[in-house]
Amino acid sequence: MAYLAARGGLPGKYNWPEVEYIDYTRLQFGKPALARHPFDDGVWLGGATALDEIPEDVDAVVTLCLTGTAQVPPTLEHLTFRIIDEREPDQNPNLDYVLVDAANAVAVLRDEGKTVLLHCVAAHSRTPTVGIVYAMLRGHSLAEATVSVCGALPAASPNSGFRAAMKRLETRLVDEA
């Protein structure tokens, strides 16, 4: 509602936030992505098309893109983080904080025993980035996490702005783990 109020009642891209379903199939660029996190089999990494057939063991969804009002079943816990897949810093104010916040949300849900689906549009940049940050929170190095998470997803390639943020976070997160 705040988004609509700020825009004078006008919805945004895909008619969001008023649309029930956003069809991202044309943005998958090949096979839709869905894979287990290489360091935590209680975390699924995927694109938005994974919402069409959410794995049965999923209790919670962490969204990193726009979704329609009916795309995540109301029976699942659903958290949304606004991250734009752009490398320019002005597109993602406080990027380091938001990446850590999203990864911490996954960690909290996992610590509660929930199985989590972490997704963005196509699992090319945002999902692998938060998946890597999550791995760093759990004590893995940036290099190890990057190779493993990107290896699990067919088209993973975090953008240069996200890679710079992960580099800034590397020492802090691994030391805190």
Protein backbone atom coordinates (compact mmCIF):
# COMPACT_ATOMS: atom_id res chain seq x y z
CA MET A 1 0.00 0.00 0.00
CA ALA A 2 2.89 2.36 0.77
CA TYR A 3 4.29 1.74 -2.72
CA LEU A 4 0.97 2.62 -4.31
CA ALA A 5 0.53 5.69 -2.12
CA ALA A 6 4.01 6.96 -3.02
CA ARG A 7 3.20 6.53 -6.72
CA GLY A 8 -0.19 8.24 -6.59
CA GLY A 9 -2.02 4.91 -6.76
CA LEU A 10 -0.18 3.73 -9.87
CA PRO A 11 1.16 0.17 -9.82
CA GLY A 12 4.69 -0.59 -10.98
CA LYS A 13 6.29 -3.14 -13.27
CA TYR A 14 4.08 -6.19 -14.00
CA ASN A 15 1.20 -4.26 -12.36
CA TRP A 16 2.81 -4.97 -8.98
CA PRO A 17 1.71 -4.96 -6.13
CA GLU A 18 -1.84 -5.56 -7.34
CA VAL A 19 -1.19 -8.53 -9.63
CA GLU A 20 -1.91 -12.08 -8.45
CA TYR A 21 0.72 -13.81 -10.58
CA ILE A 22 3.86 -12.64 -12.37
CA ASP A 23 4.89 -14.96 -15.19
CA TYR A 24 8.68 -15.12 -15.16
CA THR A 25 9.02 -18.14 -17.47
CA ARG A 26 10.31 -16.01 -20.35
CA LEU A 27 13.11 -14.69 -18.12
CA GLN A 28 14.58 -18.08 -17.15
CA PHE A 29 17.09 -18.18 -20.05
CA GLY A 30 17.08 -21.94 -20.25
CA LYS A 31 16.23 -24.56 -17.65
CA PRO A 32 14.47 -23.17 -14.57
CA ALA A 33 16.71 -23.25 -11.52
CA LEU A 34 16.01 -25.26 -8.40
CA ALA A 35 18.78 -26.83 -6.32
CA ARG A 36 19.63 -27.61 -2.71
CA HIS A 37 22.08 -25.27 -1.05
CA PRO A 38 25.44 -27.07 -1.14
CA PHE A 39 26.06 -26.54 2.60
CA ASP A 40 22.50 -26.92 3.91
CA ASP A 41 20.00 -29.33 2.39
CA GLY A 42 17.24 -27.51 4.28
CA VAL A 43 17.61 -24.56 1.89
CA TRP A 44 16.40 -24.66 -1.68
CA LEU A 45 17.85 -22.12 -4.15
CA GLY A 46 15.70 -21.25 -7.12
CA GLY A 47 14.09 -18.94 -9.57
CA ALA A 48 10.53 -17.65 -9.40
CA THR A 49 9.20 -20.54 -11.48
CA ALA A 50 9.95 -22.75 -8.44
CA LEU A 51 6.91 -21.09 -6.87
CA ASP A 52 4.74 -22.95 -9.40
CA GLU A 53 5.78 -26.28 -7.86
CA ILE A 54 7.20 -25.59 -4.42
CA PRO A 55 8.98 -28.65 -3.02
CA GLU A 56 6.77 -30.45 -0.48
CA ASP A 57 9.24 -30.04 2.39
CA VAL A 58 9.29 -26.21 2.18
CA ASP A 59 7.85 -24.35 5.20
CA ALA A 60 9.05 -20.83 4.35
CA VAL A 61 9.83 -18.74 1.28
CA VAL A 62 12.36 -15.91 1.15
CA THR A 63 11.71 -13.75 -1.90
CA LEU A 64 14.25 -11.40 -3.49
CA CYS A 65 12.07 -10.14 -6.36
CA LEU A 66 8.52 -9.04 -7.08
CA THR A 67 5.84 -11.70 -6.72
CA GLY A 68 2.12 -11.72 -7.22
CA THR A 69 -0.27 -11.79 -4.30
CA ALA A 70 -1.21 -15.44 -4.96
CA GLN A 71 2.19 -16.89 -5.88
CA VAL A 72 3.19 -18.02 -2.40
CA PRO A 73 0.60 -20.16 -0.62
CA PRO A 74 -0.73 -18.50 2.54
CA THR A 75 0.16 -21.64 4.52
CA LEU A 76 3.89 -20.86 4.13
CA GLU A 77 5.84 -18.23 6.02
CA HIS A 78 6.87 -15.61 3.46
CA LEU A 79 9.54 -12.93 3.81
CA THR A 80 10.38 -10.47 1.04
CA PHE A 81 13.55 -8.42 0.56
CA ARG A 82 13.80 -5.65 -1.99
CA ILE A 83 17.04 -6.21 -3.90
CA ILE A 84 17.40 -4.90 -7.44
CA ASP A 85 19.59 -6.95 -9.79
CA GLU A 86 21.73 -3.97 -10.76
CA ARG A 87 25.42 -3.41 -10.11
CA GLU A 88 25.23 0.35 -9.53
CA PRO A 89 25.31 1.20 -5.79
CA ASP A 90 22.51 3.78 -6.06
CA GLN A 91 20.09 1.02 -7.15
CA ASN A 92 20.52 -0.83 -3.84
CA PRO A 93 21.04 1.60 -0.98
CA ASN A 94 22.49 -0.21 2.06
CA LEU A 95 23.19 -3.30 -0.06
CA ASP A 96 25.56 -4.90 2.46
CA TYR A 97 22.95 -4.59 5.20
CA VAL A 98 20.12 -5.97 3.06
CA LEU A 99 22.20 -8.96 1.90
CA VAL A 100 23.12 -9.82 5.48
CA ASP A 101 19.53 -9.24 6.63
CA ALA A 102 18.18 -11.63 3.96
CA ALA A 103 20.83 -14.27 4.75
CA ASN A 104 20.12 -13.88 8.48
CA ALA A 105 16.42 -14.43 7.78
CA VAL A 106 17.28 -17.73 6.09
CA ALA A 107 19.50 -18.63 9.08
CA VAL A 108 16.76 -17.83 11.61
CA LEU A 109 14.19 -19.87 9.68
CA ARG A 110 16.63 -22.79 9.48
CA ASP A 111 17.43 -22.49 13.20
CA GLU A 112 13.67 -22.82 13.78
CA GLY A 113 13.79 -26.11 11.84
CA LYS A 114 12.06 -24.79 8.74
CA THR A 115 12.95 -25.75 5.19
CA VAL A 116 13.41 -22.61 3.12
CA LEU A 117 13.00 -21.77 -0.56
CA LEU A 118 15.24 -18.77 -1.35
CA HIS A 119 14.44 -17.33 -4.78
CA CYS A 120 14.64 -14.41 -7.16
CA VAL A 121 13.51 -14.22 -10.79
CA ALA A 122 15.97 -16.65 -12.40
CA ALA A 123 18.57 -17.52 -9.71
CA HIS A 124 21.26 -15.81 -11.76
CA SER A 125 22.44 -13.07 -9.41
CA ARG A 126 20.34 -12.30 -6.33
CA THR A 127 19.67 -15.87 -5.16
CA PRO A 128 23.27 -17.04 -5.49
CA THR A 129 24.47 -13.87 -3.78
CA VAL A 130 22.25 -14.35 -0.72
CA GLY A 131 23.04 -18.08 -0.80
CA ILE A 132 26.76 -17.23 -0.67
CA VAL A 133 26.26 -14.71 2.15
CA TYR A 134 24.26 -17.36 4.04
CA ALA A 135 27.15 -19.80 3.62
CA MET A 136 29.57 -17.15 4.93
CA LEU A 137 27.31 -16.63 7.96
CA ARG A 138 27.67 -20.37 8.58
CA GLY A 139 31.49 -20.13 8.50
CA HIS A 140 32.41 -20.84 4.88
CA SER A 141 34.90 -18.65 3.02
CA LEU A 142 33.76 -16.42 0.18
CA ALA A 143 35.77 -18.46 -2.32
CA GLU A 144 34.41 -21.82 -1.12
CA ALA A 145 30.83 -20.50 -0.94
CA THR A 146 30.99 -18.89 -4.39
CA VAL A 147 32.29 -22.02 -6.13
CA SER A 148 29.81 -24.29 -4.37
CA VAL A 149 26.67 -22.14 -4.64
CA CYS A 150 27.32 -21.06 -8.23
CA GLY A 151 28.11 -24.68 -9.08
CA ALA A 152 24.68 -25.75 -7.82
CA LEU A 153 22.76 -23.30 -10.04
CA PRO A 154 22.81 -23.59 -13.85
CA ALA A 155 23.26 -19.91 -14.71
CA ALA A 156 24.55 -18.33 -11.48
CA SER A 157 26.67 -15.24 -11.94
CA PRO A 158 26.33 -12.56 -9.25
CA ASN A 159 26.66 -9.10 -10.76
CA SER A 160 29.78 -7.03 -10.08
CA GLY A 161 28.04 -4.86 -7.48
CA PHE A 162 26.96 -7.93 -5.53
CA ARG A 163 30.46 -9.45 -5.82
CA ALA A 164 31.96 -6.23 -4.42
CA ALA A 165 29.51 -6.31 -1.51
CA MET A 166 30.35 -9.94 -0.73
CA LYS A 167 34.04 -9.08 -0.76
CA ARG A 168 33.40 -6.26 1.73
CA LEU A 169 31.44 -8.66 3.93
CA GLU A 170 33.84 -11.60 3.69
CA THR A 171 36.11 -11.00 6.68
CA ARG A 172 33.36 -9.76 8.96
CA LEU A 173 30.96 -12.63 8.34
CA VAL A 174 33.45 -15.48 8.46
CA ASP A 175 35.03 -14.07 11.63
CA GLU A 176 31.61 -13.76 13.28
CA ALA A 177 30.51 -17.30 12.36
